[in-house]
Amino acid sequence: MGLVVTPFIVLSIMPVIPFLLVYFIHYHLKRDKKVAIKLAMDVTTFFLIFSVSALFNNVFNSGFGIYLIVLILLIIGGLIGGAQNRLKGKVNVRKLLRVVWRLAFAGTGVAYVVLFLIGFIAAILHI
């Protein structure tokens, strides 16, 4: 079990590592930068979600981090799905999931930096 958990924890602590790994491996194999970046974003989002939830729990001394992220993703999915339904009369689930997942990358990327800085400063100042 440790062979699976340890690499996952390392990749979650530094989510830039899976981004770079996926990007360079895919670019080396396919020579398509646009697809390599999208694939790297999709893979990294998974690690960012767990990393941000752990940082949230650490900074705010809480156990609600993962639930908050899931709740936000569900709300965003509902809003975008409702907009799709109003505009086109149907929901394209594949496009909906792709948009929510990419928004999750952007949101958790920003949250990672902010929470990391807050935690780092709090640790230095012993707050």
Protein backbone atom coordinates (compact mmCIF):
# COMPACT_ATOMS: atom_id res chain seq x y z
CA MET A 1 0.00 0.00 0.00
CA GLY A 2 2.92 2.32 0.73
CA LEU A 3 4.11 1.94 -2.87
CA VAL A 4 0.91 3.66 -4.03
CA VAL A 5 0.36 6.15 -1.21
CA THR A 6 3.87 7.61 -1.00
CA PRO A 7 4.16 8.71 -4.66
CA PHE A 8 0.61 10.09 -4.49
CA ILE A 9 1.49 12.18 -1.43
CA VAL A 10 4.69 13.48 -3.04
CA LEU A 11 2.86 14.41 -6.25
CA SER A 12 0.09 16.09 -4.24
CA ILE A 13 2.54 18.17 -2.22
CA MET A 14 4.19 19.51 -5.37
CA PRO A 15 1.52 19.45 -8.10
CA VAL A 16 3.88 21.12 -10.56
CA ILE A 17 5.76 17.80 -10.77
CA PRO A 18 2.90 15.79 -12.35
CA PHE A 19 2.16 18.74 -14.65
CA LEU A 20 5.72 18.82 -15.96
CA LEU A 21 6.00 15.03 -16.16
CA VAL A 22 2.81 14.62 -18.18
CA TYR A 23 3.58 17.60 -20.39
CA PHE A 24 7.11 16.54 -21.31
CA ILE A 25 6.26 12.85 -21.77
CA HIS A 26 3.24 13.58 -23.97
CA TYR A 27 5.05 16.29 -25.93
CA HIS A 28 8.03 13.98 -26.47
CA LEU A 29 5.74 11.22 -27.78
CA LYS A 30 3.25 13.24 -29.86
CA ARG A 31 4.93 16.62 -30.53
CA ASP A 32 1.68 18.52 -29.92
CA LYS A 33 2.05 21.31 -27.34
CA LYS A 34 -1.65 22.19 -27.15
CA VAL A 35 -2.78 18.65 -26.38
CA ALA A 36 0.15 18.13 -24.01
CA ILE A 37 -0.82 21.20 -21.97
CA LYS A 38 -4.48 20.17 -21.81
CA LEU A 39 -3.61 16.65 -20.72
CA ALA A 40 -1.14 17.95 -18.13
CA MET A 41 -3.83 20.30 -16.77
CA ASP A 42 -6.34 17.46 -16.53
CA VAL A 43 -3.97 15.15 -14.67
CA THR A 44 -2.69 17.89 -12.36
CA THR A 45 -6.22 18.92 -11.36
CA PHE A 46 -6.64 15.61 -9.56
CA PHE A 47 -3.53 16.25 -7.45
CA LEU A 48 -4.40 19.92 -6.90
CA ILE A 49 -7.80 19.04 -5.46
CA PHE A 50 -6.27 16.85 -2.76
CA SER A 51 -3.42 19.27 -2.13
CA VAL A 52 -5.72 22.28 -1.74
CA SER A 53 -8.07 20.36 0.52
CA ALA A 54 -5.13 19.37 2.76
CA LEU A 55 -3.81 22.95 2.79
CA PHE A 56 -7.29 24.27 3.63
CA ASN A 57 -7.60 21.79 6.49
CA ASN A 58 -4.15 22.74 7.77
CA VAL A 59 -4.55 26.52 7.51
CA PHE A 60 -8.06 26.66 8.97
CA ASN A 61 -7.70 23.69 11.36
CA SER A 62 -10.67 22.02 9.70
CA GLY A 63 -11.72 18.73 8.15
CA PHE A 64 -14.05 20.31 5.59
CA GLY A 65 -11.57 20.96 2.73
CA ILE A 66 -12.44 18.15 0.34
CA TYR A 67 -16.16 18.61 0.96
CA LEU A 68 -15.91 22.33 0.20
CA ILE A 69 -14.13 21.67 -3.08
CA VAL A 70 -16.66 19.02 -4.12
CA LEU A 71 -19.53 21.34 -3.16
CA ILE A 72 -18.07 24.19 -5.22
CA LEU A 73 -17.53 21.89 -8.22
CA LEU A 74 -21.12 20.62 -7.99
CA ILE A 75 -22.50 24.15 -7.80
CA ILE A 76 -20.42 25.26 -10.78
CA GLY A 77 -21.51 22.17 -12.72
CA GLY A 78 -25.15 22.90 -11.93
CA LEU A 79 -24.85 26.52 -13.00
CA ILE A 80 -23.09 25.69 -16.26
CA GLY A 81 -25.47 22.79 -16.96
CA GLY A 82 -28.46 25.06 -16.35
CA ALA A 83 -27.02 27.65 -18.71
CA GLN A 84 -26.42 25.00 -21.38
CA ASN A 85 -29.98 23.76 -20.97
CA ARG A 86 -31.43 27.26 -21.33
CA LEU A 87 -29.31 28.13 -24.36
CA LYS A 88 -29.35 24.88 -26.33
CA GLY A 89 -32.24 22.92 -24.84
CA LYS A 90 -29.98 20.04 -23.76
CA VAL A 91 -26.88 19.45 -21.69
CA ASN A 92 -23.70 18.20 -23.31
CA VAL A 93 -22.31 16.24 -20.35
CA ARG A 94 -18.87 15.73 -21.86
CA LYS A 95 -18.39 19.44 -22.50
CA LEU A 96 -19.83 20.27 -19.07
CA LEU A 97 -17.38 17.96 -17.28
CA ARG A 98 -14.46 19.26 -19.32
CA VAL A 99 -15.29 22.90 -18.49
CA VAL A 100 -15.81 22.19 -14.78
CA TRP A 101 -12.55 20.20 -14.62
CA ARG A 102 -10.57 22.98 -16.34
CA LEU A 103 -12.15 25.61 -14.06
CA ALA A 104 -11.18 23.38 -11.14
CA PHE A 105 -7.58 23.50 -12.37
CA ALA A 106 -7.61 27.29 -12.46
CA GLY A 107 -9.39 27.69 -9.14
CA THR A 108 -7.37 25.13 -7.23
CA GLY A 109 -4.15 26.46 -8.76
CA VAL A 110 -4.86 29.92 -7.36
CA ALA A 111 -6.09 28.46 -4.05
CA TYR A 112 -2.92 26.35 -3.79
CA VAL A 113 -0.67 29.40 -4.07
CA VAL A 114 -2.77 31.51 -1.67
CA LEU A 115 -3.14 28.77 0.96
CA PHE A 116 0.52 27.80 0.66
CA LEU A 117 1.59 31.40 1.29
CA ILE A 118 -0.82 31.77 4.23
CA GLY A 119 0.42 28.52 5.76
CA PHE A 120 4.05 29.43 5.16
CA ILE A 121 3.68 32.89 6.71
CA ALA A 122 1.71 31.50 9.65
CA ALA A 123 4.41 28.90 10.27
CA ILE A 124 7.14 31.55 10.23
CA LEU A 125 5.22 33.85 12.58
CA HIS A 126 4.08 30.91 14.78
CA ILE A 127 0.43 31.92 14.57
